[in-house]
C-alpha atoms as a PDB file:
ATOM      1  CA  MET A   1     119.446 102.219  96.208  1.00  0.00           C
ATOM      2  CA  ILE A   2     118.065 101.703  92.778  1.00  0.00           C
ATOM      3  CA  ARG A   3     116.270  98.497  93.749  1.00  0.00           C
ATOM      4  CA  LEU A   4     114.605 100.339  96.380  1.00  0.00           C
ATOM      5  CA  ILE A   5     113.817 103.509  94.484  1.00  0.00           C
ATOM      6  CA  LEU A   6     112.057 101.308  91.709  1.00  0.00           C
ATOM      7  CA  HIS A   7     110.185  99.272  94.469  1.00  0.00           C
ATOM      8  CA  ARG A   8     108.886 101.809  95.876  1.00  0.00           C
ATOM      9  CA  LEU A   9     107.374 103.655  92.699  1.00  0.00           C
ATOM     10  CA  LEU A  10     106.065 100.215  92.254  1.00  0.00           C
ATOM     11  CA  VAL A  11     103.903 100.219  95.311  1.00  0.00           C
ATOM     12  CA  SER A  12     102.851 103.851  94.771  1.00  0.00           C
ATOM     13  CA  ILE A  13     101.125 103.033  91.467  1.00  0.00           C
ATOM     14  CA  PRO A  14      97.825 101.501  93.480  1.00  0.00           C
ATOM     15  CA  LEU A  15      98.143 104.301  95.561  1.00  0.00           C
ATOM     16  CA  LEU A  16      97.498 106.745  92.587  1.00  0.00           C
ATOM     17  CA  LEU A  17      94.473 104.585  91.361  1.00  0.00           C
ATOM     18  CA  ALA A  18      93.245 104.400  94.507  1.00  0.00           C
ATOM     19  CA  VAL A  19      92.985 108.038  95.179  1.00  0.00           C
ATOM     20  CA  THR A  20      92.155 108.884  91.841  1.00  0.00           C
ATOM     21  CA  LEU A  21      89.165 107.084  91.611  1.00  0.00           C
ATOM     22  CA  LEU A  22      88.152 107.663  95.280  1.00  0.00           C
ATOM     23  CA  THR A  23      88.151 111.397  93.904  1.00  0.00           C
ATOM     24  CA  TYR A  24      85.943 110.620  90.772  1.00  0.00           C
ATOM     25  CA  VAL A  25      83.502 108.623  92.748  1.00  0.00           C
ATOM     26  CA  LEU A  26      82.876 111.377  95.840  1.00  0.00           C
ATOM     27  CA  ASP A  27      82.669 113.866  92.981  1.00  0.00           C
ATOM     28  CA  SER A  28      79.495 111.934  91.585  1.00  0.00           C
ATOM     29  CA  PHE A  29      77.681 112.046  94.802  1.00  0.00           C
ATOM     30  CA  ALA A  30      78.500 115.955  95.384  1.00  0.00           C
ATOM     31  CA  PRO A  31      75.228 118.406  94.891  1.00  0.00           C
ATOM     32  CA  GLY A  32      74.888 120.356  91.694  1.00  0.00           C
ATOM     33  CA  ASP A  33      75.925 119.299  88.090  1.00  0.00           C
ATOM     34  CA  VAL A  34      78.248 121.538  86.114  1.00  0.00           C
ATOM     35  CA  ALA A  35      76.189 120.737  82.600  1.00  0.00           C
ATOM     36  CA  ALA A  36      73.346 122.976  84.420  1.00  0.00           C
ATOM     37  CA  THR A  37      75.500 125.227  85.372  1.00  0.00           C
ATOM     38  CA  LEU A  38      77.863 125.842  82.792  1.00  0.00           C
ATOM     39  CA  PRO A  39      75.012 127.395  79.997  1.00  0.00           C
ATOM     40  CA  GLN A  40      74.370 131.275  80.828  1.00  0.00           C
ATOM     41  CA  GLY A  41      71.056 131.993  82.022  1.00  0.00           C
ATOM     42  CA  GLN A  42      67.467 129.521  81.303  1.00  0.00           C
ATOM     43  CA  THR A  43      68.440 126.577  79.073  1.00  0.00           C
ATOM     44  CA  SER A  44      65.901 123.717  77.668  1.00  0.00           C
ATOM     45  CA  LEU A  45      66.069 120.130  79.169  1.00  0.00           C
ATOM     46  CA  LYS A  46      66.760 118.956  75.575  1.00  0.00           C
ATOM     47  CA  ALA A  47      69.785 121.577  75.445  1.00  0.00           C
ATOM     48  CA  TYR A  48      70.889 120.168  79.025  1.00  0.00           C
ATOM     49  CA  LEU A  49      70.535 116.482  77.992  1.00  0.00           C
ATOM     50  CA  ALA A  50      72.284 117.286  74.906  1.00  0.00           C
ATOM     51  CA  LEU A  51      75.196 119.012  76.660  1.00  0.00           C
ATOM     52  CA  ARG A  52      75.263 115.964  79.529  1.00  0.00           C
ATOM     53  CA  HIS A  53      76.057 113.928  76.572  1.00  0.00           C
ATOM     54  CA  LYS A  54      78.697 116.104  75.069  1.00  0.00           C
ATOM     55  CA  LEU A  55      80.498 115.894  78.509  1.00  0.00           C
ATOM     56  CA  GLY A  56      80.139 112.371  78.746  1.00  0.00           C
ATOM     57  CA  LEU A  57      78.196 112.879  82.213  1.00  0.00           C
ATOM     58  CA  ASP A  58      75.442 110.352  81.137  1.00  0.00           C
ATOM     59  CA  GLN A  59      77.999 107.473  81.488  1.00  0.00           C
ATOM     60  CA  PRO A  60      78.473 105.161  83.964  1.00  0.00           C
ATOM     61  CA  VAL A  61      80.960 106.809  86.652  1.00  0.00           C
ATOM     62  CA  MET A  62      83.348 103.798  86.049  1.00  0.00           C
ATOM     63  CA  GLN A  63      83.234 104.402  82.154  1.00  0.00           C
ATOM     64  CA  GLN A  64      83.904 108.102  82.968  1.00  0.00           C
ATOM     65  CA  TYR A  65      86.879 107.008  85.094  1.00  0.00           C
ATOM     66  CA  GLY A  66      88.181 104.393  82.495  1.00  0.00           C
ATOM     67  CA  HIS A  67      88.131 107.030  80.007  1.00  0.00           C
ATOM     68  CA  TRP A  68      90.075 109.529  82.037  1.00  0.00           C
ATOM     69  CA  LEU A  69      92.633 106.898  83.100  1.00  0.00           C
ATOM     70  CA  TRP A  70      93.607 106.009  79.785  1.00  0.00           C
ATOM     71  CA  ARG A  71      93.783 109.474  78.528  1.00  0.00           C
ATOM     72  CA  ALA A  72      96.061 110.279  81.647  1.00  0.00           C
ATOM     73  CA  LEU A  73      98.213 107.538  81.105  1.00  0.00           C
ATOM     74  CA  HIS A  74      99.024 108.865  77.184  1.00  0.00           C
ATOM     75  CA  GLY A  75      99.516 112.609  79.079  1.00  0.00           C
ATOM     76  CA  ASP A  76      96.298 114.168  78.602  1.00  0.00           C
ATOM     77  CA  LEU A  77      94.573 115.023  81.440  1.00  0.00           C
ATOM     78  CA  GLY A  78      91.230 116.456  79.689  1.00  0.00           C
ATOM     79  CA  THR A  79      90.456 119.833  79.472  1.00  0.00           C
ATOM     80  CA  SER A  80      88.760 122.404  82.090  1.00  0.00           C
ATOM     81  CA  TYR A  81      85.117 122.612  81.747  1.00  0.00           C
ATOM     82  CA  PHE A  82      84.687 126.337  82.388  1.00  0.00           C
ATOM     83  CA  SER A  83      87.930 127.701  80.824  1.00  0.00           C
ATOM     84  CA  GLY A  84      88.358 125.710  78.157  1.00  0.00           C
ATOM     85  CA  GLU A  85      92.004 124.982  78.854  1.00  0.00           C
ATOM     86  CA  ARG A  86      94.280 122.358  78.613  1.00  0.00           C
ATOM     87  CA  VAL A  87      94.341 120.731  82.529  1.00  0.00           C
ATOM     88  CA  VAL A  88      97.948 120.079  82.387  1.00  0.00           C
ATOM     89  CA  ASN A  89      98.756 123.756  81.190  1.00  0.00           C
ATOM     90  CA  LEU A  90      96.395 125.047  84.007  1.00  0.00           C
ATOM     91  CA  LEU A  91      98.054 122.740  86.585  1.00  0.00           C
ATOM     92  CA  ASN A  92     101.879 123.632  85.251  1.00  0.00           C
ATOM     93  CA  GLN A  93     101.027 127.390  85.455  1.00  0.00           C
ATOM     94  CA  ARG A  94     100.017 126.791  89.301  1.00  0.00           C
ATOM     95  CA  LEU A  95     102.636 124.044  90.248  1.00  0.00           C
ATOM     96  CA  GLY A  96     105.410 126.681  91.018  1.00  0.00           C
ATOM     97  CA  VAL A  97     103.508 128.611  93.764  1.00  0.00           C
ATOM     98  CA  THR A  98     103.020 125.595  95.420  1.00  0.00           C
ATOM     99  CA  LEU A  99     106.137 124.146  95.543  1.00  0.00           C
ATOM    100  CA  SER A 100     107.589 127.408  96.487  1.00  0.00           C
ATOM    101  CA  ILE A 101     105.700 127.296  99.715  1.00  0.00           C
ATOM    102  CA  VAL A 102     106.597 123.804 100.547  1.00  0.00           C
ATOM    103  CA  VAL A 103     110.282 124.366 100.015  1.00  0.00           C
ATOM    104  CA  GLY A 104     110.430 127.331 101.799  1.00  0.00           C
ATOM    105  CA  VAL A 105     108.467 125.406 104.874  1.00  0.00           C
ATOM    106  CA  LEU A 106     110.939 122.674 104.333  1.00  0.00           C
ATOM    107  CA  ILE A 107     114.131 124.994 104.760  1.00  0.00           C
ATOM    108  CA  VAL A 108     112.539 126.751 107.549  1.00  0.00           C
ATOM    109  CA  CYS A 109     111.240 123.726 109.548  1.00  0.00           C
ATOM    110  CA  VAL A 110     114.118 121.686 108.838  1.00  0.00           C
ATOM    111  CA  SER A 111     116.677 124.419 109.971  1.00  0.00           C
ATOM    112  CA  ALA A 112     114.781 125.866 113.016  1.00  0.00           C
ATOM    113  CA  GLY A 113     113.818 122.665 114.545  1.00  0.00           C
ATOM    114  CA  LEU A 114     116.921 120.977 114.153  1.00  0.00           C
ATOM    115  CA  LEU A 115     118.464 123.478 116.085  1.00  0.00           C
ATOM    116  CA  LEU A 116     116.239 124.389 118.537  1.00  0.00           C
ATOM    117  CA  GLY A 117     116.164 120.537 119.099  1.00  0.00           C
ATOM    118  CA  ALA A 118     119.746 119.869 119.534  1.00  0.00           C
ATOM    119  CA  LEU A 119     119.833 122.787 121.865  1.00  0.00           C
ATOM    120  CA  SER A 120     116.849 121.572 123.893  1.00  0.00           C
ATOM    121  CA  ALA A 121     118.814 118.014 123.986  1.00  0.00           C
ATOM    122  CA  LEU A 122     121.974 119.124 124.926  1.00  0.00           C
ATOM    123  CA  ARG A 123     121.182 122.053 127.760  1.00  0.00           C
ATOM    124  CA  GLY A 124     117.051 121.096 128.629  1.00  0.00           C
ATOM    125  CA  GLY A 125     115.833 123.388 131.072  1.00  0.00           C
ATOM    126  CA  ILE A 126     113.943 126.059 130.290  1.00  0.00           C
ATOM    127  CA  VAL A 127     114.443 125.475 126.268  1.00  0.00           C
ATOM    128  CA  GLY A 128     113.313 122.061 126.550  1.00  0.00           C
ATOM    129  CA  ARG A 129     110.198 123.331 128.596  1.00  0.00           C
ATOM    130  CA  THR A 130     109.635 126.182 125.935  1.00  0.00           C
ATOM    131  CA  ILE A 131     109.507 123.829 123.070  1.00  0.00           C
ATOM    132  CA  ASP A 132     106.918 121.596 124.949  1.00  0.00           C
ATOM    133  CA  ILE A 133     104.484 124.638 125.325  1.00  0.00           C
ATOM    134  CA  LEU A 134     105.338 125.850 121.964  1.00  0.00           C
ATOM    135  CA  SER A 135     104.439 122.245 120.985  1.00  0.00           C
ATOM    136  CA  ILE A 136     100.919 122.295 122.496  1.00  0.00           C
ATOM    137  CA  ALA A 137     100.778 125.539 121.276  1.00  0.00           C
ATOM    138  CA  GLY A 138     101.055 124.877 117.790  1.00  0.00           C
ATOM    139  CA  LEU A 139      98.639 121.850 117.707  1.00  0.00           C
ATOM    140  CA  ALA A 140      96.089 124.666 118.764  1.00  0.00           C
ATOM    141  CA  PHE A 141      96.297 127.137 116.597  1.00  0.00           C
ATOM    142  CA  PRO A 142      95.884 125.824 112.868  1.00  0.00           C
ATOM    143  CA  SER A 143      97.730 127.275 110.013  1.00  0.00           C
ATOM    144  CA  PHE A 144      95.201 129.497 108.725  1.00  0.00           C
ATOM    145  CA  TRP A 145      94.559 131.555 112.248  1.00  0.00           C
ATOM    146  CA  VAL A 146      98.112 132.036 112.423  1.00  0.00           C
ATOM    147  CA  ALA A 147      98.019 132.828 108.989  1.00  0.00           C
ATOM    148  CA  LEU A 148      95.428 136.021 109.826  1.00  0.00           C
ATOM    149  CA  ILE A 149      97.453 137.182 113.028  1.00  0.00           C
ATOM    150  CA  LEU A 150     100.630 137.453 110.562  1.00  0.00           C
ATOM    151  CA  ILE A 151      98.585 139.455 108.329  1.00  0.00           C
ATOM    152  CA  GLU A 152      97.114 141.675 111.106  1.00  0.00           C
ATOM    153  CA  VAL A 153     100.692 142.264 112.342  1.00  0.00           C
ATOM    154  CA  PHE A 154     103.160 142.361 109.650  1.00  0.00           C
ATOM    155  CA  ALA A 155     100.978 143.659 106.793  1.00  0.00           C
ATOM    156  CA  VAL A 156      98.636 145.724 108.074  1.00  0.00           C
ATOM    157  CA  LYS A 157     100.605 147.256 111.613  1.00  0.00           C
ATOM    158  CA  LEU A 158     103.793 147.136 110.725  1.00  0.00           C
ATOM    159  CA  GLU A 159     103.117 147.346 106.680  1.00  0.00           C
ATOM    160  CA  TRP A 160     106.469 144.949 106.351  1.00  0.00           C
ATOM    161  CA  LEU A 161     105.503 142.854 103.910  1.00  0.00           C
ATOM    162  CA  PRO A 162     102.373 141.980 101.510  1.00  0.00           C
ATOM    163  CA  ALA A 163      99.138 140.632 102.740  1.00  0.00           C
ATOM    164  CA  ILE A 164      98.087 139.434  99.421  1.00  0.00           C
ATOM    165  CA  GLY A 165      99.400 138.278  96.162  1.00  0.00           C
ATOM    166  CA  TYR A 166     102.208 136.804  94.739  1.00  0.00           C
ATOM    167  CA  THR A 167     105.118 138.121  92.370  1.00  0.00           C
ATOM    168  CA  SER A 168     107.351 135.845  89.802  1.00  0.00           C
ATOM    169  CA  ILE A 169     110.432 135.297  90.702  1.00  0.00           C
ATOM    170  CA  PHE A 170     111.316 135.939  86.959  1.00  0.00           C
ATOM    171  CA  ALA A 171     109.648 139.121  87.385  1.00  0.00           C
ATOM    172  CA  SER A 172     111.282 140.187  90.798  1.00  0.00           C
ATOM    173  CA  PRO A 173     113.120 137.662  93.206  1.00  0.00           C
ATOM    174  CA  ARG A 174     112.699 140.486  96.087  1.00  0.00           C
ATOM    175  CA  LEU A 175     109.361 140.749  95.549  1.00  0.00           C
ATOM    176  CA  TRP A 176     108.658 136.952  95.068  1.00  0.00           C
ATOM    177  CA  LEU A 177     110.746 136.330  98.559  1.00  0.00           C
ATOM    178  CA  MET A 178     108.438 139.130 100.178  1.00  0.00           C
ATOM    179  CA  SER A 179     105.614 137.349  98.914  1.00  0.00           C
ATOM    180  CA  LEU A 180     106.669 134.217 100.359  1.00  0.00           C
ATOM    181  CA  VAL A 181     107.419 134.825 103.151  1.00  0.00           C
ATOM    182  CA  LEU A 182     104.169 135.383 105.517  1.00  0.00           C
ATOM    183  CA  PRO A 183     102.853 132.072 103.804  1.00  0.00           C
ATOM    184  CA  VAL A 184     105.598 129.917 104.319  1.00  0.00           C
ATOM    185  CA  LEU A 185     105.819 131.088 108.386  1.00  0.00           C
ATOM    186  CA  ALA A 186     101.886 130.191 108.773  1.00  0.00           C
ATOM    187  CA  VAL A 187     102.573 126.621 107.854  1.00  0.00           C
ATOM    188  CA  ALA A 188     105.840 126.341 109.185  1.00  0.00           C
ATOM    189  CA  LEU A 189     105.101 127.616 112.738  1.00  0.00           C
ATOM    190  CA  HIS A 190     102.819 124.802 113.092  1.00  0.00           C
ATOM    191  CA  SER A 191     105.527 122.425 112.437  1.00  0.00           C
ATOM    192  CA  ILE A 192     108.751 123.404 113.526  1.00  0.00           C
ATOM    193  CA  THR A 193     107.964 122.813 117.319  1.00  0.00           C
ATOM    194  CA  SER A 194     107.061 118.956 115.761  1.00  0.00           C
ATOM    195  CA  ILE A 195     110.346 118.625 114.314  1.00  0.00           C
ATOM    196  CA  ALA A 196     112.316 119.955 117.281  1.00  0.00           C
ATOM    197  CA  LYS A 197     110.576 117.873 119.629  1.00  0.00           C
ATOM    198  CA  GLN A 198     111.463 114.543 118.032  1.00  0.00           C
ATOM    199  CA  THR A 199     115.324 116.002 117.641  1.00  0.00           C
ATOM    200  CA  ARG A 200     115.523 116.291 121.098  1.00  0.00           C
ATOM    201  CA  ASP A 201     113.963 113.080 122.074  1.00  0.00           C
ATOM    202  CA  ALA A 202     116.669 111.249 119.658  1.00  0.00           C
ATOM    203  CA  MET A 203     119.474 113.135 120.714  1.00  0.00           C
ATOM    204  CA  GLY A 204     119.214 112.734 124.484  1.00  0.00           C
ATOM    205  CA  GLU A 205     118.841 109.137 123.578  1.00  0.00           C
ATOM    206  CA  VAL A 206     122.124 108.860 121.429  1.00  0.00           C
ATOM    207  CA  MET A 207     124.060 111.448 123.287  1.00  0.00           C
ATOM    208  CA  GLY A 208     124.158 109.007 126.075  1.00  0.00           C
ATOM    209  CA  ARG A 209     125.523 105.772 124.188  1.00  0.00           C
ATOM    210  CA  ASP A 210     128.513 104.769 124.708  1.00  0.00           C
ATOM    211  CA  PHE A 211     130.184 105.281 121.276  1.00  0.00           C
ATOM    212  CA  ILE A 212     129.909 109.229 121.886  1.00  0.00           C
ATOM    213  CA  ARG A 213     131.544 108.940 125.303  1.00  0.00           C
ATOM    214  CA  ALA A 214     134.175 107.236 123.376  1.00  0.00           C
ATOM    215  CA  LEU A 215     134.226 109.491 120.687  1.00  0.00           C
ATOM    216  CA  ARG A 216     135.032 112.550 123.253  1.00  0.00           C
ATOM    217  CA  ALA A 217     137.579 110.490 125.284  1.00  0.00           C
ATOM    218  CA  SER A 218     139.401 110.136 121.537  1.00  0.00           C
ATOM    219  CA  GLY A 219     139.981 113.756 121.316  1.00  0.00           C
ATOM    220  CA  LEU A 220     137.256 114.089 118.791  1.00  0.00           C
ATOM    221  CA  SER A 221     135.950 118.369 118.881  1.00  0.00           C
ATOM    222  CA  GLU A 222     132.491 118.457 120.603  1.00  0.00           C
ATOM    223  CA  THR A 223     130.911 120.420 117.562  1.00  0.00           C
ATOM    224  CA  SER A 224     131.890 117.171 114.878  1.00  0.00           C
ATOM    225  CA  VAL A 225     130.450 114.676 118.280  1.00  0.00           C
ATOM    226  CA  ILE A 226     127.424 116.555 117.967  1.00  0.00           C
ATOM    227  CA  TRP A 227     126.502 117.131 114.747  1.00  0.00           C
ATOM    228  CA  LYS A 228     128.476 114.558 113.043  1.00  0.00           C
ATOM    229  CA  HIS A 229     128.045 111.407 114.928  1.00  0.00           C
ATOM    230  CA  GLY A 230     125.362 112.607 117.389  1.00  0.00           C
ATOM    231  CA  LEU A 231     122.503 114.216 114.952  1.00  0.00           C
ATOM    232  CA  ARG A 232     123.206 111.875 112.051  1.00  0.00           C
ATOM    233  CA  ASN A 233     122.584 108.662 114.757  1.00  0.00           C
ATOM    234  CA  ALA A 234     119.584 110.463 115.621  1.00  0.00           C
ATOM    235  CA  ALA A 235     118.494 111.310 112.315  1.00  0.00           C
ATOM    236  CA  LEU A 236     115.969 108.456 111.567  1.00  0.00           C
ATOM    237  CA  PRO A 237     113.005 109.028 113.631  1.00  0.00           C
ATOM    238  CA  VAL A 238     113.189 112.742 112.756  1.00  0.00           C
ATOM    239  CA  VAL A 239     113.479 112.416 108.910  1.00  0.00           C
ATOM    240  CA  THR A 240     110.338 110.558 109.510  1.00  0.00           C
ATOM    241  CA  VAL A 241     108.663 113.460 111.534  1.00  0.00           C
ATOM    242  CA  ILE A 242     109.806 115.994 108.645  1.00  0.00           C
ATOM    243  CA  GLY A 243     107.850 113.943 105.852  1.00  0.00           C
ATOM    244  CA  LEU A 244     104.967 113.716 107.906  1.00  0.00           C
ATOM    245  CA  VAL A 245     105.140 117.566 108.430  1.00  0.00           C
ATOM    246  CA  MET A 246     105.529 118.085 104.681  1.00  0.00           C
ATOM    247  CA  ILE A 247     102.633 116.036 103.804  1.00  0.00           C
ATOM    248  CA  SER A 248     100.737 117.932 106.583  1.00  0.00           C
ATOM    249  CA  ALA A 249     102.047 121.207 105.103  1.00  0.00           C
ATOM    250  CA  LEU A 250     101.265 120.444 101.673  1.00  0.00           C
ATOM    251  CA  GLY A 251      97.237 120.140 102.986  1.00  0.00           C
ATOM    252  CA  SER A 252      97.763 123.470 104.575  1.00  0.00           C
ATOM    253  CA  THR A 253      98.369 125.414 101.439  1.00  0.00           C
ATOM    254  CA  VAL A 254      95.253 124.633 100.273  1.00  0.00           C
ATOM    255  CA  PHE A 255      94.001 127.277 102.832  1.00  0.00           C
ATOM    256  CA  VAL A 256      96.545 129.612 103.004  1.00  0.00           C
ATOM    257  CA  GLU A 257      96.559 129.953  99.337  1.00  0.00           C
ATOM    258  CA  ARG A 258      93.078 131.215 100.075  1.00  0.00           C
ATOM    259  CA  ILE A 259      93.673 133.578 102.498  1.00  0.00           C
ATOM    260  CA  PHE A 260      96.920 134.936 100.719  1.00  0.00           C
ATOM    261  CA  VAL A 261      95.311 134.877  97.608  1.00  0.00           C
ATOM    262  CA  LEU A 262      97.841 132.880  95.781  1.00  0.00           C
ATOM    263  CA  PRO A 263      97.514 131.048  92.372  1.00  0.00           C
ATOM    264  CA  GLY A 264      98.636 127.960  93.379  1.00  0.00           C
ATOM    265  CA  LEU A 265      97.091 124.208  93.109  1.00  0.00           C
ATOM    266  CA  GLY A 266      95.268 124.129  96.549  1.00  0.00           C
ATOM    267  CA  SER A 267      93.183 127.518  95.323  1.00  0.00           C
ATOM    268  CA  LEU A 268      92.552 125.951  91.928  1.00  0.00           C
ATOM    269  CA  ALA A 269      91.651 122.722  93.157  1.00  0.00           C
ATOM    270  CA  VAL A 270      88.951 124.262  95.641  1.00  0.00           C
ATOM    271  CA  GLU A 271      87.667 126.299  92.399  1.00  0.00           C
ATOM    272  CA  ALA A 272      87.287 123.253  90.591  1.00  0.00           C
ATOM    273  CA  ALA A 273      85.475 121.623  93.308  1.00  0.00           C
ATOM    274  CA  THR A 274      83.174 124.808  93.561  1.00  0.00           C
ATOM    275  CA  ASN A 275      82.211 124.788  89.810  1.00  0.00           C
ATOM    276  CA  SER A 276      81.870 120.407  89.925  1.00  0.00           C
ATOM    277  CA  ASP A 277      85.038 120.930  87.225  1.00  0.00           C
ATOM    278  CA  ILE A 278      86.334 116.995  87.611  1.00  0.00           C
ATOM    279  CA  ALA A 279      88.630 116.820  84.840  1.00  0.00           C
ATOM    280  CA  LEU A 280      90.521 120.266  86.601  1.00  0.00           C
ATOM    281  CA  LEU A 281      89.743 118.177  90.111  1.00  0.00           C
ATOM    282  CA  GLN A 282      91.108 114.835  88.800  1.00  0.00           C
ATOM    283  CA  GLY A 283      94.278 117.066  87.591  1.00  0.00           C
ATOM    284  CA  ALA A 284      94.944 118.712  90.771  1.00  0.00           C
ATOM    285  CA  THR A 285      94.370 115.600  92.848  1.00  0.00           C
ATOM    286  CA  LEU A 286      96.955 113.730  90.799  1.00  0.00           C
ATOM    287  CA  TYR A 287      99.374 116.711  90.737  1.00  0.00           C
ATOM    288  CA  PHE A 288      98.881 116.415  95.132  1.00  0.00           C
ATOM    289  CA  THR A 289      99.432 112.348  95.023  1.00  0.00           C
ATOM    290  CA  LEU A 290     102.617 112.624  92.993  1.00  0.00           C
ATOM    291  CA  ILE A 291     104.232 115.092  95.435  1.00  0.00           C
ATOM    292  CA  VAL A 292     102.956 113.462  98.530  1.00  0.00           C
ATOM    293  CA  ILE A 293     104.940 110.276  96.487  1.00  0.00           C
ATOM    294  CA  ALA A 294     107.973 112.327  95.945  1.00  0.00           C
ATOM    295  CA  ILE A 295     108.068 113.126  99.530  1.00  0.00           C
ATOM    296  CA  ASN A 296     107.975 109.534 100.305  1.00  0.00           C
ATOM    297  CA  LEU A 297     110.295 108.519  98.440  1.00  0.00           C
ATOM    298  CA  ALA A 298     112.862 111.134  99.723  1.00  0.00           C
ATOM    299  CA  VAL A 299     111.996 109.914 102.666  1.00  0.00           C
ATOM    300  CA  ASP A 300     113.002 106.471 101.913  1.00  0.00           C
ATOM    301  CA  VAL A 301     115.947 107.512  99.997  1.00  0.00           C
ATOM    302  CA  SER A 302     116.859 109.528 103.195  1.00  0.00           C
ATOM    303  CA  TYR A 303     116.714 106.420 105.132  1.00  0.00           C
ATOM    304  CA  GLY A 304     119.251 104.378 102.783  1.00  0.00           C
ATOM    305  CA  TRP A 305     122.118 107.054 103.224  1.00  0.00           C
ATOM    306  CA  LEU A 306     122.097 107.434 106.995  1.00  0.00           C
ATOM    307  CA  ASN A 307     121.390 103.618 107.411  1.00  0.00           C
ATOM    308  CA  PRO A 308     123.104 101.327 104.824  1.00  0.00           C
ATOM    309  CA  LYS A 309     121.171  98.081 106.419  1.00  0.00           C
ATOM    310  CA  VAL A 310     117.936 100.160 105.328  1.00  0.00           C
ATOM    311  CA  ARG A 311     119.064 100.146 101.722  1.00  0.00           C
ATOM    312  CA  THR A 312     118.529  96.283 101.251  1.00  0.00           C
END
């Protein structure tokens, strides 16, 4: 298992380099210049060129990226052009919000998706048809639209939950939980049916195998047959879908954080892109890529736990 983890980590290094380099190159083609927007009011051409030289913007793109990469390898992601704060500090302040949403989505999607998928595989009928309908609806209605509907119903009309804002768990665990309910549901509702449908298909195939009939004939309880043996043997394709769902949910947090005014990595990345703050944008991109790598690694480890053959 350790060899598998080390191999996956080594394979992830080219991904980090490719993503950060692509971000730097694409940002260089974007309209606007941070050296022109930083000064307040009018500025002379001489002062503008001096600021570009000070920020290193007059260097070739690959040379700028090389300098950033060298500092990043030593734990320094630079300083934000606009706030003057260290990028690492800004990102660490926002990381907890995004991770709270992602973990909440994981809990809701896995628990609800596995339960609905297992019920659909065992009973079929109206449950299966309902999941098919909801799957199509989930693809048709994006997360930001669902977020607006949830705000209208639960925050404006019923006044059960806050519409915007975030409270730290250290300040008030109850308010922290309430501030996450709507964002988590807005992202999770788009993905629950995908997990449920994959679970239903995999469970339906596994429950018809000979070893399941042998376990039932040996007198093993139905609960143990379903959840311990049936679900575990059907879990490999489900784990794959869960990994894809979590990566998709990470992208959805960018829109959801803006709608619910949450101080997460997604909203910070949007602000950095708007202000052409390349140092902050590079740092946010790096953090998002590391989270994706962590999700993929968790999926690979789950494969090894579920199927010993994968460990080799």
